[in-house]
């Protein structure tokens, strides 16, 4: 999720936001198909 999406979802915990960012990075780096599926 992007920062804007996290804000809209009301996710404010810094650790949780960092975890989402890490997952997004891993998905983007290791699997375009999976990354795109998680964005839908």
PDB file of N, CA and C in Angstrom:
ATOM      1  N   UNK A   1       0.844  -1.168   0.000  1.00  0.00           N
ATOM      2  CA  UNK A   1       0.000   0.000   0.000  1.00  0.00           C
ATOM      3  C   UNK A   1       0.895   1.240   0.000  1.00  0.00           C
ATOM      4  N   UNK A   2       0.432   2.249  -0.669  1.00  0.00           N
ATOM      5  CA  UNK A   2       1.173   3.505  -0.694  1.00  0.00           C
ATOM      6  C   UNK A   2       0.869   4.298   0.576  1.00  0.00           C
ATOM      7  N   UNK A   3       1.647   5.324   0.813  1.00  0.00           N
ATOM      8  CA  UNK A   3       1.411   6.188   1.978  1.00  0.00           C
ATOM      9  C   UNK A   3      -0.005   6.745   1.949  1.00  0.00           C
ATOM     10  N   UNK A   4      -0.447   7.144   0.794  1.00  0.00           N
ATOM     11  CA  UNK A   4      -1.808   7.696   0.662  1.00  0.00           C
ATOM     12  C   UNK A   4      -2.864   6.636   1.011  1.00  0.00           C
ATOM     13  N   UNK A   5      -2.651   5.413   0.547  1.00  0.00           N
ATOM     14  CA  UNK A   5      -3.595   4.331   0.848  1.00  0.00           C
ATOM     15  C   UNK A   5      -3.589   3.980   2.334  1.00  0.00           C
ATOM     16  N   UNK A   6      -2.404   3.980   2.945  1.00  0.00           N
ATOM     17  CA  UNK A   6      -2.325   3.714   4.382  1.00  0.00           C
ATOM     18  C   UNK A   6      -3.043   4.802   5.168  1.00  0.00           C
ATOM     19  N   UNK A   7      -2.870   6.050   4.755  1.00  0.00           N
ATOM     20  CA  UNK A   7      -3.571   7.161   5.405  1.00  0.00           C
ATOM     21  C   UNK A   7      -5.081   6.986   5.281  1.00  0.00           C
ATOM     22  N   UNK A   8      -5.545   6.660   4.090  1.00  0.00           N
ATOM     23  CA  UNK A   8      -6.979   6.496   3.851  1.00  0.00           C
ATOM     24  C   UNK A   8      -7.554   5.336   4.658  1.00  0.00           C
ATOM     25  N   UNK A   9      -6.735   4.304   4.880  1.00  0.00           N
ATOM     26  CA  UNK A   9      -7.182   3.139   5.648  1.00  0.00           C
ATOM     27  C   UNK A   9      -7.081   3.372   7.152  1.00  0.00           C
ATOM     28  N   UNK A  10      -6.518   4.511   7.545  1.00  0.00           N
ATOM     29  CA  UNK A  10      -6.400   4.825   8.959  1.00  0.00           C
ATOM     30  C   UNK A  10      -5.288   4.072   9.670  1.00  0.00           C
ATOM     31  N   UNK A  11      -4.306   3.610   8.914  1.00  0.00           N
ATOM     32  CA  UNK A  11      -3.175   2.882   9.495  1.00  0.00           C
ATOM     33  C   UNK A  11      -2.118   3.901   9.887  1.00  0.00           C
ATOM     34  N   UNK A  12      -1.961   4.088  11.197  1.00  0.00           N
ATOM     35  CA  UNK A  12      -1.051   5.119  11.695  1.00  0.00           C
ATOM     36  C   UNK A  12       0.142   4.561  12.459  1.00  0.00           C
ATOM     37  N   UNK A  13       0.084   3.303  12.858  1.00  0.00           N
ATOM     38  CA  UNK A  13       1.179   2.700  13.622  1.00  0.00           C
ATOM     39  C   UNK A  13       2.441   2.633  12.762  1.00  0.00           C
ATOM     40  N   UNK A  14       3.531   3.259  13.194  1.00  0.00           N
ATOM     41  CA  UNK A  14       4.758   3.288  12.386  1.00  0.00           C
ATOM     42  C   UNK A  14       5.301   1.895  12.049  1.00  0.00           C
ATOM     43  N   UNK A  15       5.215   0.967  12.988  1.00  0.00           N
ATOM     44  CA  UNK A  15       5.724  -0.388  12.733  1.00  0.00           C
ATOM     45  C   UNK A  15       4.890  -1.087  11.662  1.00  0.00           C
ATOM     46  N   UNK A  16       3.584  -0.925  11.722  1.00  0.00           N
ATOM     47  CA  UNK A  16       2.710  -1.546  10.729  1.00  0.00           C
ATOM     48  C   UNK A  16       2.911  -0.911   9.361  1.00  0.00           C
ATOM     49  N   UNK A  17       3.071   0.400   9.328  1.00  0.00           N
ATOM     50  CA  UNK A  17       3.330   1.083   8.058  1.00  0.00           C
ATOM     51  C   UNK A  17       4.645   0.608   7.453  1.00  0.00           C
ATOM     52  N   UNK A  18       5.659   0.422   8.302  1.00  0.00           N
ATOM     53  CA  UNK A  18       6.952  -0.073   7.826  1.00  0.00           C
ATOM     54  C   UNK A  18       6.820  -1.495   7.297  1.00  0.00           C
ATOM     55  N   UNK A  19       6.010  -2.312   7.963  1.00  0.00           N
ATOM     56  CA  UNK A  19       5.800  -3.686   7.504  1.00  0.00           C
ATOM     57  C   UNK A  19       5.120  -3.700   6.134  1.00  0.00           C
ATOM     58  N   UNK A  20       4.116  -2.857   5.948  1.00  0.00           N
ATOM     59  CA  UNK A  20       3.463  -2.762   4.641  1.00  0.00           C
ATOM     60  C   UNK A  20       4.462  -2.322   3.569  1.00  0.00           C
ATOM     61  N   UNK A  21       5.300  -1.357   3.899  1.00  0.00           N
ATOM     62  CA  UNK A  21       6.295  -0.872   2.940  1.00  0.00           C
ATOM     63  C   UNK A  21       7.279  -1.979   2.581  1.00  0.00           C
ATOM     64  N   UNK A  22       7.700  -2.746   3.574  1.00  0.00           N
ATOM     65  CA  UNK A  22       8.637  -3.857   3.336  1.00  0.00           C
ATOM     66  C   UNK A  22       7.998  -4.922   2.448  1.00  0.00           C
ATOM     67  N   UNK A  23       6.762  -5.273   2.726  1.00  0.00           N
ATOM     68  CA  UNK A  23       6.053  -6.260   1.902  1.00  0.00           C
ATOM     69  C   UNK A  23       5.902  -5.763   0.470  1.00  0.00           C
ATOM     70  N   UNK A  24       5.575  -4.497   0.325  1.00  0.00           N
ATOM     71  CA  UNK A  24       5.417  -3.921  -1.014  1.00  0.00           C
ATOM     72  C   UNK A  24       6.736  -3.994  -1.783  1.00  0.00           C
ATOM     73  N   UNK A  25       7.835  -3.681  -1.106  1.00  0.00           N
ATOM     74  CA  UNK A  25       9.149  -3.748  -1.733  1.00  0.00           C
ATOM     75  C   UNK A  25       9.502  -5.177  -2.138  1.00  0.00           C
ATOM     76  N   UNK A  26       9.268  -6.121  -1.249  1.00  0.00           N
ATOM     77  CA  UNK A  26       9.550  -7.525  -1.561  1.00  0.00           C
ATOM     78  C   UNK A  26       8.715  -8.012  -2.740  1.00  0.00           C
ATOM     79  N   UNK A  27       7.434  -7.669  -2.731  1.00  0.00           N
ATOM     80  CA  UNK A  27       6.560  -8.090  -3.823  1.00  0.00           C
ATOM     81  C   UNK A  27       6.996  -7.478  -5.148  1.00  0.00           C
ATOM     82  N   UNK A  28       7.366  -6.218  -5.119  1.00  0.00           N
ATOM     83  CA  UNK A  28       7.785  -5.540  -6.346  1.00  0.00           C
ATOM     84  C   UNK A  28       9.085  -6.123  -6.880  1.00  0.00           C
ATOM     85  N   UNK A  29       9.973  -6.483  -5.991  1.00  0.00           N
ATOM     86  CA  UNK A  29      11.289  -6.967  -6.390  1.00  0.00           C
ATOM     87  C   UNK A  29      11.261  -8.416  -6.873  1.00  0.00           C
ATOM     88  N   UNK A  30      10.400  -9.238  -6.298  1.00  0.00           N
ATOM     89  CA  UNK A  30      10.486 -10.674  -6.541  1.00  0.00           C
ATOM     90  C   UNK A  30       9.314 -11.275  -7.291  1.00  0.00           C
ATOM     91  N   UNK A  31       8.456 -10.489  -7.801  1.00  0.00           N
ATOM     92  CA  UNK A  31       7.366 -11.091  -8.557  1.00  0.00           C
ATOM     93  C   UNK A  31       6.376 -10.080  -9.072  1.00  0.00           C
ATOM     94  N   UNK A  32       6.545  -9.675 -10.298  1.00  0.00           N
ATOM     95  CA  UNK A  32       5.641  -8.681 -10.874  1.00  0.00           C
ATOM     96  C   UNK A  32       4.196  -9.162 -10.874  1.00  0.00           C
ATOM     97  N   UNK A  33       3.973 -10.408 -11.233  1.00  0.00           N
ATOM     98  CA  UNK A  33       2.602 -10.903 -11.291  1.00  0.00           C
ATOM     99  C   UNK A  33       1.966 -10.861  -9.912  1.00  0.00           C
ATOM    100  N   UNK A  34       2.691 -11.342  -8.914  1.00  0.00           N
ATOM    101  CA  UNK A  34       2.165 -11.339  -7.552  1.00  0.00           C
ATOM    102  C   UNK A  34       1.978  -9.905  -7.063  1.00  0.00           C
ATOM    103  N   UNK A  35       2.931  -9.037  -7.359  1.00  0.00           N
ATOM    104  CA  UNK A  35       2.828  -7.634  -6.958  1.00  0.00           C
ATOM    105  C   UNK A  35       1.580  -7.000  -7.558  1.00  0.00           C
ATOM    106  N   UNK A  36       1.358  -7.215  -8.839  1.00  0.00           N
ATOM    107  CA  UNK A  36       0.180  -6.630  -9.482  1.00  0.00           C
ATOM    108  C   UNK A  36      -1.103  -7.198  -8.890  1.00  0.00           C
ATOM    109  N   UNK A  37      -1.100  -8.473  -8.560  1.00  0.00           N
ATOM    110  CA  UNK A  37      -2.288  -9.088  -7.968  1.00  0.00           C
ATOM    111  C   UNK A  37      -2.599  -8.475  -6.604  1.00  0.00           C
ATOM    112  N   UNK A  38      -1.570  -8.142  -5.837  1.00  0.00           N
ATOM    113  CA  UNK A  38      -1.811  -7.553  -4.520  1.00  0.00           C
ATOM    114  C   UNK A  38      -2.309  -6.120  -4.632  1.00  0.00           C
ATOM    115  N   UNK A  39      -2.085  -5.476  -5.757  1.00  0.00           N
ATOM    116  CA  UNK A  39      -2.518  -4.093  -5.949  1.00  0.00           C
ATOM    117  C   UNK A  39      -3.966  -4.006  -6.417  1.00  0.00           C
ATOM    118  N   UNK A  40      -4.553  -5.090  -6.872  1.00  0.00           N
ATOM    119  CA  UNK A  40      -5.931  -5.060  -7.377  1.00  0.00           C
ATOM    120  C   UNK A  40      -6.951  -5.122  -6.265  1.00  0.00           C
TER     121      UNK A  40
END
